Structures are given as C-alpha cells and as structure tokens.
Amino acid sequence: MASEALIDVVTHRKSGIVFVSFGFATPPRYVQETDGVTGAVFLTRALRKLGVTVALVIDDREDLIRITRDALGVAGLKPIFVEKYPYTVGLSNASVPVITLEVANPLTRGNLMEVFSNLPPSSMIFVEKAGHNYLGVYHSMNGADISPYHSHVEEALNIARIYDAVTLSIGDGGNEVGMGVIEDTIRRVVPYGDVCRCPCKGGIAASSEVNYLITSVISNVGAYAIELLLLKSLNKLNYAHTIHDEVLCLKAAVSSGAIDGVTGTPSITVDGLPKQIYERVLHKILSAVI
C-alpha cells in the first residue's frame, strides 16, 4: 500500500528527503488548476509535522510560483526558493525548500542531478502532476498540447531509481506522471487516451511509471486520503488539516491565479465540483478513515 510505503519512510527515517511535486497548467488560460495544490501542500505539512524533511518541485512558471508561495503560507509553511547549490536544509518545521524546473526544457536531467546530489531523495510523491505520453508530449484532458507550460519532471523518476527512492503518484485523468502503470487501460477507456487532438496523435495517456499509483476521482481527494491513512497509522490524526483549512488554501490559490481545471474559471471549485459538494466528499473520506 502507498500509505504503508510512506509509513516506512517516516518511521525508519530513511536517509534522504521526500520530494513532493505538483503542477498542471490547464486551458484556456494555461495557468495552474485548483486540483493538486491543496493535496500537495497539506501532504507536505503532515510530513513536516512528523519530522520528515520535505522539498517541493514545481515548474518555473510565474503563476505556479505565486500560487505555491501563497498556498504554503496559508498552511503555515514558509517556502524557501532554492536558487543555488550546495543548499543546506534548515531545521525549522515551517520551512519548505522549493525547487523550480525550467519549462519545455528536455535537459531537465542535468538540473535534477545537481538537486539530488545535494538533496538525496528517499521518496518522490507526485500530486496531479502533468505527465508526458510516449512521444514526450504533455496534454490537457481534451487532447490539446500543453508541453510549453511544463517541465520534463519525469527525469526525476529515472534519477530516483539510482537512489532507490520510493515513487508514488496521485492522479485522476490518465495524463499525469506515473499513469504509465495503467497506460493500456487509459488508452482504451479515457477520451483522447489513445489518439489526441494535437499533431502528435499519440494520445494523452502518460507513459511514466511509479512504484505506487493512486487513482482518485479528484487528486486532492486522493492526497487527503493518503494523508489521513498515514497519520492514523501513526496515531497522529491531530496533525491532519481540516476542511476549513482546505477551503482557505483553495481561496488563496484562486486569489493568486488558480483556475478550475474543468470549467477554466477562477472559482473555489475543484474539477467542476461546487465547494459544498467538494466539502462533502472530503467529509466522507474523513468519516471512512476515522
């Protein structure tokens, strides 16, 4: 189980850092969607409260940097944008190093090698992180090419294997990092999964694979479930964020430029779900775990 893998990382204090990556620029504005933000932020906060060193990896886009900074702030975390190496991770539970990767740059591997040689990973977690197909093209759910707005973060998976790091991904549409585990199914059942609308015609199905893949109706919901399962297993449910925290973080993200990934509007909604229904879904998850 994915939560058990994280428990092992936490309880055995495996040498290294847990990297959390999120980011999905969606049409029509090609800015960060609301899904993925709270899931990554509060999973990061839970791990920090457990004493785990965590670093965020995001695309170097102005909108995402702003949204990340403000969402972390609402969660009581202090982002530290790393600009040069070697970098020494601080001991403050509130500080979170943030590594930015250049978008549309196939040479991302060199940057990541520098990052990981300085900050060796024990685990990598992807939350609603755009993933490329077998041709290296990134797509929206409607089959459009969104490659210019994303980094080649999949290189992190190849490097993580060198460090024997646990890799985990949470996604909902089939076009996220790690979905290669079920690529055949995505190509068969997801619209545009096999043939996309862009010139590549390679489909939106992501090709990268991870050790543990969590599919969820909404990625934020999947991340919340993993957070709760992890904390309950360690008798630390008091570290979990509340539904109120979730809404405040969503509001901060939208105020900073995030949009709903389905409607394309700057609203306190996630993948088209109105706020009230989204809250009910989270309550159901909480009730099931407690």
Protein backbone atom coordinates (compact mmCIF):
# COMPACT_ATOMS: atom_id res chain seq x y z
CA MET A 1 0.00 0.00 0.00
CA ALA A 2 1.12 3.54 -0.71
CA SER A 3 0.42 4.72 2.85
CA GLU A 4 2.49 1.81 4.20
CA ALA A 5 5.40 2.83 1.98
CA LEU A 6 5.23 6.35 3.41
CA ILE A 7 4.96 4.98 6.94
CA ASP A 8 8.20 3.10 6.30
CA VAL A 9 9.88 6.30 5.13
CA VAL A 10 8.65 8.16 8.21
CA THR A 11 9.22 5.56 10.94
CA HIS A 12 12.60 4.33 9.75
CA ARG A 13 13.78 7.85 8.91
CA LYS A 14 15.30 6.56 5.71
CA SER A 15 18.21 8.77 4.78
CA GLY A 16 17.19 11.41 2.29
CA ILE A 17 14.45 13.88 1.51
CA VAL A 18 10.86 13.40 0.45
CA PHE A 19 10.20 15.39 -2.72
CA VAL A 20 6.63 16.42 -3.49
CA SER A 21 5.80 17.64 -6.99
CA PHE A 22 2.60 19.10 -8.40
CA GLY A 23 1.57 21.40 -11.21
CA PHE A 24 -0.83 21.28 -14.12
CA ALA A 25 -1.34 24.28 -16.39
CA THR A 26 -4.74 23.98 -17.98
CA PRO A 27 -6.56 25.77 -20.81
CA PRO A 28 -7.86 28.29 -21.59
CA ARG A 29 -5.51 30.45 -19.51
CA TYR A 30 -2.75 27.85 -19.23
CA VAL A 31 -2.26 28.51 -15.55
CA GLN A 32 -2.32 26.21 -12.53
CA GLU A 33 -5.57 24.43 -11.76
CA THR A 34 -7.01 24.16 -8.24
CA ASP A 35 -6.62 20.38 -8.15
CA GLY A 36 -3.23 19.31 -6.87
CA VAL A 37 -2.49 22.45 -4.87
CA THR A 38 -4.08 21.59 -1.52
CA GLY A 39 -3.23 17.90 -1.87
CA ALA A 40 0.49 18.66 -2.24
CA VAL A 41 0.56 21.44 0.35
CA PHE A 42 -1.15 19.55 3.16
CA LEU A 43 0.63 16.28 2.49
CA THR A 44 3.83 18.29 2.77
CA ARG A 45 2.66 19.86 6.02
CA ALA A 46 1.72 16.48 7.52
CA LEU A 47 5.14 15.05 6.67
CA ARG A 48 6.89 18.09 8.14
CA LYS A 49 4.91 17.72 11.36
CA LEU A 50 6.09 14.11 11.51
CA GLY A 51 9.67 15.34 11.37
CA VAL A 52 10.33 14.42 7.74
CA THR A 53 12.39 16.76 5.58
CA VAL A 54 10.33 17.69 2.52
CA ALA A 55 11.10 19.72 -0.59
CA LEU A 56 8.68 20.81 -3.30
CA VAL A 57 9.46 20.52 -7.01
CA ILE A 58 7.42 22.74 -9.32
CA ASP A 59 7.58 24.18 -12.82
CA ASP A 60 9.25 27.57 -13.18
CA ARG A 61 6.11 29.50 -14.12
CA GLU A 62 5.18 32.81 -12.56
CA ASP A 63 1.62 31.73 -11.79
CA LEU A 64 2.67 28.47 -10.13
CA ILE A 65 5.40 30.12 -8.05
CA ARG A 66 2.92 32.70 -6.78
CA ILE A 67 0.23 30.11 -6.05
CA THR A 68 2.71 27.82 -4.29
CA ARG A 69 4.02 30.64 -2.11
CA ASP A 70 0.57 31.80 -1.04
CA ALA A 71 -0.91 28.32 -0.53
CA LEU A 72 2.04 27.27 1.64
CA GLY A 73 1.68 30.48 3.63
CA VAL A 74 -1.98 29.79 4.43
CA ALA A 75 -0.93 26.31 5.61
CA GLY A 76 1.60 27.86 7.97
CA LEU A 77 4.61 26.86 5.91
CA LYS A 78 7.46 29.08 4.75
CA PRO A 79 8.65 28.46 1.17
CA ILE A 80 12.35 28.88 0.53
CA PHE A 81 13.03 29.06 -3.20
CA VAL A 82 16.38 27.40 -3.82
CA GLU A 83 18.49 29.30 -6.33
CA LYS A 84 21.94 27.82 -5.93
CA TYR A 85 23.75 24.74 -4.62
CA PRO A 86 25.05 23.39 -2.36
CA TYR A 87 21.97 24.07 -0.25
CA THR A 88 21.58 23.19 3.42
CA VAL A 89 18.07 22.28 4.57
CA GLY A 90 17.02 24.24 7.67
CA LEU A 91 15.66 22.59 10.79
CA SER A 92 12.52 24.69 11.11
CA ASN A 93 9.35 22.62 10.80
CA ALA A 94 7.75 25.51 8.91
CA SER A 95 10.37 25.87 6.19
CA VAL A 96 9.99 24.07 2.87
CA PRO A 97 12.65 24.26 0.13
CA VAL A 98 11.10 24.80 -3.30
CA ILE A 99 12.99 23.73 -6.43
CA THR A 100 11.81 25.16 -9.76
CA LEU A 101 12.39 23.42 -13.09
CA GLU A 102 12.55 25.23 -16.41
CA VAL A 103 9.54 24.52 -18.60
CA ALA A 104 9.82 22.99 -22.08
CA ASN A 105 13.45 22.07 -21.48
CA PRO A 106 14.40 18.47 -22.33
CA LEU A 107 17.71 18.99 -20.48
CA THR A 108 15.98 18.95 -17.10
CA ARG A 109 18.03 15.90 -16.10
CA GLY A 110 21.16 17.99 -15.55
CA ASN A 111 19.36 20.31 -13.16
CA LEU A 112 17.81 17.42 -11.26
CA MET A 113 21.13 15.59 -10.96
CA GLU A 114 22.51 18.69 -9.24
CA VAL A 115 19.47 18.88 -6.97
CA PHE A 116 19.56 15.23 -5.94
CA SER A 117 23.33 15.10 -5.45
CA ASN A 118 22.88 17.87 -2.89
CA LEU A 119 19.50 16.71 -1.54
CA PRO A 120 19.34 12.90 -1.99
CA PRO A 121 15.75 11.60 -2.21
CA SER A 122 14.20 8.87 -0.09
CA SER A 123 10.82 9.25 -1.76
CA MET A 124 9.12 11.17 -4.55
CA ILE A 125 5.42 11.99 -4.49
CA PHE A 126 3.54 13.44 -7.46
CA VAL A 127 0.12 15.01 -6.94
CA GLU A 128 -1.78 15.90 -10.12
CA LYS A 129 1.49 16.48 -11.96
CA ALA A 130 1.25 16.68 -15.73
CA GLY A 131 2.89 13.68 -17.39
CA HIS A 132 4.00 13.23 -21.00
CA ASN A 133 2.96 10.46 -23.37
CA TYR A 134 5.40 8.05 -25.01
CA LEU A 135 6.31 10.76 -27.52
CA GLY A 136 7.23 13.24 -24.79
CA VAL A 137 4.16 15.44 -25.33
CA TYR A 138 2.06 16.80 -22.44
CA HIS A 139 -1.71 17.06 -22.90
CA SER A 140 -4.81 18.52 -21.34
CA MET A 141 -7.82 16.26 -20.80
CA ASN A 142 -9.34 17.50 -24.07
CA GLY A 143 -6.33 16.31 -26.04
CA ALA A 144 -4.56 19.64 -26.56
CA ASP A 145 -0.76 20.02 -26.43
CA ILE A 146 0.30 21.87 -23.26
CA SER A 147 4.01 21.00 -23.44
CA PRO A 148 5.26 24.62 -23.46
CA TYR A 149 3.95 25.08 -19.92
CA HIS A 150 5.55 22.07 -18.23
CA SER A 151 8.98 20.82 -17.22
CA HIS A 152 10.28 17.34 -18.03
CA VAL A 153 9.94 16.29 -14.39
CA GLU A 154 9.81 12.61 -15.40
CA GLU A 155 13.60 12.71 -15.44
CA ALA A 156 13.30 12.73 -11.66
CA LEU A 157 11.92 9.19 -11.78
CA ASN A 158 14.98 7.90 -13.61
CA ILE A 159 17.34 9.58 -11.16
CA ALA A 160 15.26 8.50 -8.14
CA ARG A 161 15.89 4.87 -9.07
CA ILE A 162 19.62 5.46 -8.66
CA TYR A 163 18.91 6.38 -5.04
CA ASP A 164 16.44 3.51 -4.58
CA ALA A 165 13.80 6.10 -3.71
CA VAL A 166 10.14 5.13 -3.33
CA THR A 167 7.99 6.77 -6.03
CA LEU A 168 4.28 7.47 -5.63
CA SER A 169 1.78 9.32 -7.80
CA ILE A 170 -1.79 10.51 -7.32
CA GLY A 171 -3.82 11.31 -10.44
CA ASP A 172 -7.33 11.30 -11.82
CA GLY A 173 -7.32 11.63 -15.61
CA GLY A 174 -4.62 9.40 -17.04
CA ASN A 175 -2.40 12.25 -18.21
CA GLU A 176 -0.40 12.58 -15.00
CA VAL A 177 3.07 11.39 -14.02
CA GLY A 178 3.02 7.71 -13.11
CA MET A 179 -0.07 6.73 -15.07
CA GLY A 180 2.04 4.53 -17.33
CA VAL A 181 1.31 1.78 -14.80
CA ILE A 182 -2.17 1.53 -16.35
CA GLU A 183 -1.44 3.05 -19.76
CA ASP A 184 -3.22 0.30 -21.69
CA THR A 185 -6.43 0.88 -19.74
CA ILE A 186 -6.22 4.64 -20.19
CA ARG A 187 -5.82 4.25 -23.94
CA ARG A 188 -8.85 2.01 -24.03
CA VAL A 189 -11.34 3.89 -21.82
CA VAL A 190 -10.31 7.56 -21.47
CA PRO A 191 -11.39 10.04 -24.18
CA TYR A 192 -8.33 11.03 -26.25
CA GLY A 193 -6.33 8.45 -24.28
CA ASP A 194 -5.16 6.70 -27.43
CA VAL A 195 -5.40 9.46 -30.04
CA CYS A 196 -5.21 13.11 -29.03
CA ARG A 197 -6.26 16.26 -30.89
CA CYS A 198 -2.75 17.67 -31.28
CA PRO A 199 -0.42 16.85 -34.21
CA CYS A 200 1.44 14.13 -32.31
CA LYS A 201 -1.66 11.86 -32.35
CA GLY A 202 -0.02 9.82 -29.59
CA GLY A 203 -2.86 10.15 -27.08
CA ILE A 204 -2.96 11.81 -23.68
CA ALA A 205 -2.05 8.61 -21.78
CA ALA A 206 1.05 9.26 -19.69
CA SER A 207 3.88 6.77 -20.13
CA SER A 208 5.94 7.13 -16.93
CA GLU A 209 5.65 4.56 -14.15
CA VAL A 210 5.94 4.73 -10.36
CA ASN A 211 6.12 2.18 -7.55
CA TYR A 212 2.71 3.15 -6.21
CA LEU A 213 -0.12 4.68 -8.24
CA ILE A 214 -3.25 6.07 -6.58
CA THR A 215 -6.15 6.87 -8.87
CA SER A 216 -8.81 9.13 -7.44
CA VAL A 217 -11.89 10.94 -8.70
CA ILE A 218 -10.01 14.14 -7.80
CA SER A 219 -6.30 14.16 -6.99
CA ASN A 220 -6.73 16.43 -3.96
CA VAL A 221 -9.14 13.85 -2.53
CA GLY A 222 -6.65 11.03 -3.08
CA ALA A 223 -3.92 13.03 -1.37
CA TYR A 224 -6.25 13.73 1.57
CA ALA A 225 -6.96 10.00 1.92
CA ILE A 226 -3.23 9.18 1.93
CA GLU A 227 -2.59 11.93 4.47
CA LEU A 228 -5.30 10.60 6.80
CA LEU A 229 -4.24 6.95 6.45
CA LEU A 230 -0.62 7.85 7.14
CA LEU A 231 -1.46 9.93 10.22
CA LYS A 232 -3.98 7.44 11.61
CA SER A 233 -1.45 4.61 11.31
CA LEU A 234 0.97 6.69 13.39
CA ASN A 235 -1.71 7.82 15.88
CA LYS A 236 -1.22 11.41 14.75
CA LEU A 237 -4.61 12.29 13.25
CA ASN A 238 -4.44 15.57 15.13
CA TYR A 239 -1.83 16.61 12.55
CA ALA A 240 -4.36 16.36 9.72
CA HIS A 241 -5.69 19.52 8.12
CA THR A 242 -9.35 20.41 8.50
CA ILE A 243 -11.94 21.01 5.80
CA HIS A 244 -11.81 24.66 6.82
CA ASP A 245 -8.04 24.65 6.18
CA GLU A 246 -8.71 23.12 2.76
CA VAL A 247 -11.13 25.87 1.78
CA LEU A 248 -8.82 28.64 3.00
CA CYS A 249 -5.97 27.17 0.93
CA LEU A 250 -8.19 26.89 -2.14
CA LYS A 251 -9.23 30.52 -1.73
CA ALA A 252 -5.60 31.58 -1.51
CA ALA A 253 -4.75 29.60 -4.64
CA VAL A 254 -7.61 31.14 -6.61
CA SER A 255 -6.76 34.63 -5.37
CA SER A 256 -3.24 34.02 -6.67
CA GLY A 257 -4.44 32.95 -10.12
CA ALA A 258 -5.51 29.29 -10.00
CA ILE A 259 -8.49 28.17 -12.05
CA ASP A 260 -10.84 25.20 -12.01
CA GLY A 261 -9.34 22.54 -14.30
CA VAL A 262 -12.70 21.64 -15.83
CA THR A 263 -14.53 24.96 -16.12
CA GLY A 264 -11.45 27.12 -16.65
CA THR A 265 -12.82 29.74 -14.27
CA PRO A 266 -11.16 31.28 -11.18
CA SER A 267 -13.61 29.83 -8.66
CA ILE A 268 -13.47 27.99 -5.33
CA THR A 269 -14.23 24.71 -7.09
CA VAL A 270 -12.18 21.65 -8.00
CA ASP A 271 -12.63 19.79 -11.30
CA GLY A 272 -16.09 21.29 -11.69
CA LEU A 273 -17.31 20.28 -8.22
CA PRO A 274 -19.02 23.14 -6.34
CA LYS A 275 -17.47 23.99 -2.98
CA GLN A 276 -20.30 22.43 -0.94
CA ILE A 277 -20.17 19.10 -2.78
CA TYR A 278 -16.36 19.04 -2.66
CA GLU A 279 -16.53 19.53 1.11
CA ARG A 280 -18.98 16.63 1.42
CA VAL A 281 -16.61 14.35 -0.48
CA LEU A 282 -13.79 15.24 1.89
CA HIS A 283 -16.08 14.65 4.89
CA LYS A 284 -16.89 11.18 3.50
CA ILE A 285 -13.18 10.37 3.28
CA LEU A 286 -12.61 11.62 6.82
CA SER A 287 -15.55 9.58 8.17
CA ALA A 288 -14.29 6.45 6.45
CA VAL A 289 -10.83 6.78 8.00
CA ILE A 290 -11.92 7.75 11.50
